[in-house]
Amino acid sequence: MRNNPFKFLAHGLFAALFFSFLPAISMAEGDKPEAMTSEAKVISMIGTAEVMPSGETEWKLLAENALLHEGDKMRTGKDSKALVETQGNKKTATLTVRKETEFSFKVFHHDEAAKTENTVLDLESGSLLIEAEKIAPDSHFQVKTPTSVVDAHEAKFEVNVSK
């Protein structure tokens, strides 16, 4: 049997095309923007506030300047309140966490390349006064409660959940 020279050419052409596109495919995957974790900073407190860091099961006392991240839960005690600033690409909101409030940073990240912010606070009980900053149109700042969802861009509002 004779070797078909066209078969060899076809395989060679396929290999050349495949390997010429490989760098473009890997570069395109590497160029995808990745979301970065945002931070919230406790600016001031009156009384007691606690955090349950993501993945943990124990509450820990919070102090001024403490940082909170996606997945963290926060709660305030009786006759307590805390002032918290959220930060991604820039300052996104100031939260006044009222007494006996419990919430979590369910989604809390930003994309530097796209200049977007995505924050979802899950309010279980209590009251949050929120002063949301102006954010990009594709960004979200949401507060979820057991009965509703508030999505805000550059607004001052309060959300309450009864025990």
Protein backbone atom coordinates (compact mmCIF):
# COMPACT_ATOMS: atom_id res chain seq x y z
CA MET A 1 0.00 0.00 0.00
CA ARG A 2 1.19 3.43 -0.85
CA ASN A 3 1.00 6.39 1.50
CA ASN A 4 -1.34 9.07 0.32
CA PRO A 5 0.62 12.38 0.24
CA PHE A 6 -2.62 14.36 0.56
CA LYS A 7 -3.45 12.61 3.84
CA PHE A 8 -0.13 13.81 5.29
CA LEU A 9 -0.81 17.33 4.00
CA ALA A 10 -4.30 17.36 5.54
CA HIS A 11 -2.98 16.29 8.96
CA GLY A 12 -0.18 18.85 8.77
CA LEU A 13 -2.58 21.63 7.81
CA PHE A 14 -4.94 20.72 10.66
CA ALA A 15 -2.07 20.73 13.18
CA ALA A 16 -0.76 24.07 11.91
CA LEU A 17 -4.20 25.68 12.19
CA PHE A 18 -4.86 24.19 15.62
CA PHE A 19 -1.57 25.37 17.12
CA SER A 20 -1.83 28.82 15.51
CA PHE A 21 -5.20 29.44 17.27
CA LEU A 22 -4.08 28.02 20.62
CA PRO A 23 -2.34 31.23 21.82
CA ALA A 24 -5.42 33.29 20.91
CA ILE A 25 -7.68 30.94 22.84
CA SER A 26 -5.50 31.01 25.97
CA MET A 27 -5.04 34.79 25.73
CA ALA A 28 -8.80 35.31 25.47
CA GLU A 29 -9.32 33.20 28.59
CA GLY A 30 -6.60 35.15 30.44
CA ASP A 31 -8.17 38.48 29.44
CA LYS A 32 -11.47 37.72 31.19
CA PRO A 33 -11.91 40.14 34.08
CA GLU A 34 -12.14 38.50 37.47
CA ALA A 35 -14.27 39.79 40.31
CA MET A 36 -12.28 40.96 43.31
CA THR A 37 -13.54 40.80 46.86
CA SER A 38 -14.73 44.13 48.21
CA GLU A 39 -14.25 45.28 51.80
CA ALA A 40 -16.34 46.96 54.44
CA LYS A 41 -14.70 48.86 57.27
CA VAL A 42 -16.20 49.51 60.70
CA ILE A 43 -15.79 53.27 61.09
CA SER A 44 -17.32 53.70 64.54
CA MET A 45 -19.36 51.81 67.13
CA ILE A 46 -21.47 52.42 70.18
CA GLY A 47 -22.06 49.36 72.35
CA THR A 48 -21.21 45.93 70.96
CA ALA A 49 -21.01 44.48 67.48
CA GLU A 50 -19.94 41.02 66.40
CA VAL A 51 -18.85 39.26 63.22
CA MET A 52 -19.11 35.65 62.15
CA PRO A 53 -16.46 35.33 59.45
CA SER A 54 -17.36 33.36 56.33
CA GLY A 55 -16.99 29.62 56.90
CA GLU A 56 -16.92 29.90 60.68
CA THR A 57 -19.59 29.14 63.28
CA GLU A 58 -18.57 31.36 66.21
CA TRP A 59 -19.32 35.07 66.72
CA LYS A 60 -16.33 37.33 67.48
CA LEU A 61 -16.30 40.87 68.88
CA LEU A 62 -15.78 43.61 66.32
CA ALA A 63 -13.60 46.65 66.86
CA GLU A 64 -13.33 49.93 65.00
CA ASN A 65 -11.34 49.62 61.75
CA ALA A 66 -12.19 45.90 61.45
CA LEU A 67 -12.66 44.70 57.86
CA LEU A 68 -15.62 42.63 56.66
CA HIS A 69 -15.77 40.55 53.46
CA GLU A 70 -18.12 38.52 51.28
CA GLY A 71 -19.85 35.80 53.31
CA ASP A 72 -19.29 37.51 56.67
CA LYS A 73 -22.24 38.06 59.03
CA MET A 74 -22.52 41.06 61.34
CA ARG A 75 -24.81 41.78 64.27
CA THR A 76 -25.22 44.53 66.83
CA GLY A 77 -26.31 44.20 70.45
CA LYS A 78 -29.00 45.89 72.50
CA ASP A 79 -28.55 49.69 72.63
CA SER A 80 -25.73 49.42 70.04
CA LYS A 81 -25.04 50.73 66.58
CA ALA A 82 -22.19 50.78 64.11
CA LEU A 83 -21.17 52.87 61.13
CA VAL A 84 -19.73 50.78 58.26
CA GLU A 85 -18.32 51.92 54.89
CA THR A 86 -18.36 49.58 51.90
CA GLN A 87 -15.55 49.83 49.38
CA GLY A 88 -14.92 48.21 45.99
CA ASN A 89 -13.47 50.24 43.13
CA LYS A 90 -14.46 53.21 45.30
CA LYS A 91 -16.67 53.91 48.30
CA THR A 92 -20.08 52.43 47.49
CA ALA A 93 -22.14 53.07 50.63
CA THR A 94 -22.26 54.03 54.27
CA LEU A 95 -24.33 51.73 56.47
CA THR A 96 -25.73 52.69 59.84
CA VAL A 97 -26.34 49.36 61.53
CA ARG A 98 -29.00 49.95 64.18
CA LYS A 99 -29.43 48.08 67.48
CA GLU A 100 -30.22 44.36 67.43
CA THR A 101 -29.57 44.03 63.68
CA GLU A 102 -28.19 40.96 61.93
CA PHE A 103 -27.18 40.80 58.28
CA SER A 104 -24.64 39.19 55.96
CA PHE A 105 -22.56 40.28 52.98
CA LYS A 106 -24.11 37.66 50.67
CA VAL A 107 -22.45 39.03 47.51
CA PHE A 108 -19.64 41.55 47.89
CA HIS A 109 -17.24 42.01 44.98
CA HIS A 110 -16.18 44.40 42.25
CA ASP A 111 -14.57 44.30 38.81
CA GLU A 112 -11.81 46.87 38.36
CA ALA A 113 -11.66 46.56 34.56
CA ALA A 114 -15.42 46.93 34.05
CA LYS A 115 -15.72 49.45 36.92
CA THR A 116 -18.71 47.53 38.34
CA GLU A 117 -19.75 46.89 41.93
CA ASN A 118 -21.98 44.07 43.15
CA THR A 119 -23.21 44.10 46.71
CA VAL A 120 -26.07 42.07 48.16
CA LEU A 121 -26.81 42.45 51.86
CA ASP A 122 -29.07 39.81 53.38
CA LEU A 123 -30.91 41.50 56.27
CA GLU A 124 -32.25 38.88 58.69
CA SER A 125 -33.51 41.20 61.44
CA GLY A 126 -33.21 44.76 62.64
CA SER A 127 -32.62 47.96 60.71
CA LEU A 128 -30.08 49.32 58.24
CA LEU A 129 -29.89 52.97 57.17
CA ILE A 130 -28.04 53.03 53.85
CA GLU A 131 -26.51 55.94 52.00
CA ALA A 132 -25.65 54.38 48.62
CA GLU A 133 -23.19 56.23 46.40
CA LYS A 134 -23.52 56.66 42.64
CA ILE A 135 -22.38 53.43 40.97
CA ALA A 136 -21.99 52.31 37.35
CA PRO A 137 -25.20 51.36 35.47
CA ASP A 138 -24.24 47.65 35.35
CA SER A 139 -23.58 47.61 39.10
CA HIS A 140 -25.93 46.51 41.87
CA PHE A 141 -26.36 47.47 45.51
CA GLN A 142 -29.16 45.34 46.93
CA VAL A 143 -30.67 44.66 50.31
CA LYS A 144 -32.65 41.44 50.59
CA THR A 145 -35.13 40.75 53.38
CA PRO A 146 -37.35 37.73 53.94
CA THR A 147 -40.12 39.52 51.99
CA SER A 148 -38.49 41.98 49.55
CA VAL A 149 -35.46 43.16 47.58
CA VAL A 150 -34.31 46.79 47.30
CA ASP A 151 -31.87 47.69 44.50
CA ALA A 152 -30.43 51.20 44.88
CA HIS A 153 -28.16 53.56 42.95
CA GLU A 154 -27.28 56.83 44.71
CA ALA A 155 -30.02 56.87 47.34
CA LYS A 156 -30.56 57.16 51.08
CA PHE A 157 -33.02 54.63 52.47
CA GLU A 158 -33.78 52.50 55.51
CA VAL A 159 -34.76 48.83 55.53
CA ASN A 160 -36.35 47.20 58.59
CA VAL A 161 -37.08 43.56 59.41
CA SER A 162 -39.08 42.70 62.52
CA LYS A 163 -38.05 39.74 64.65
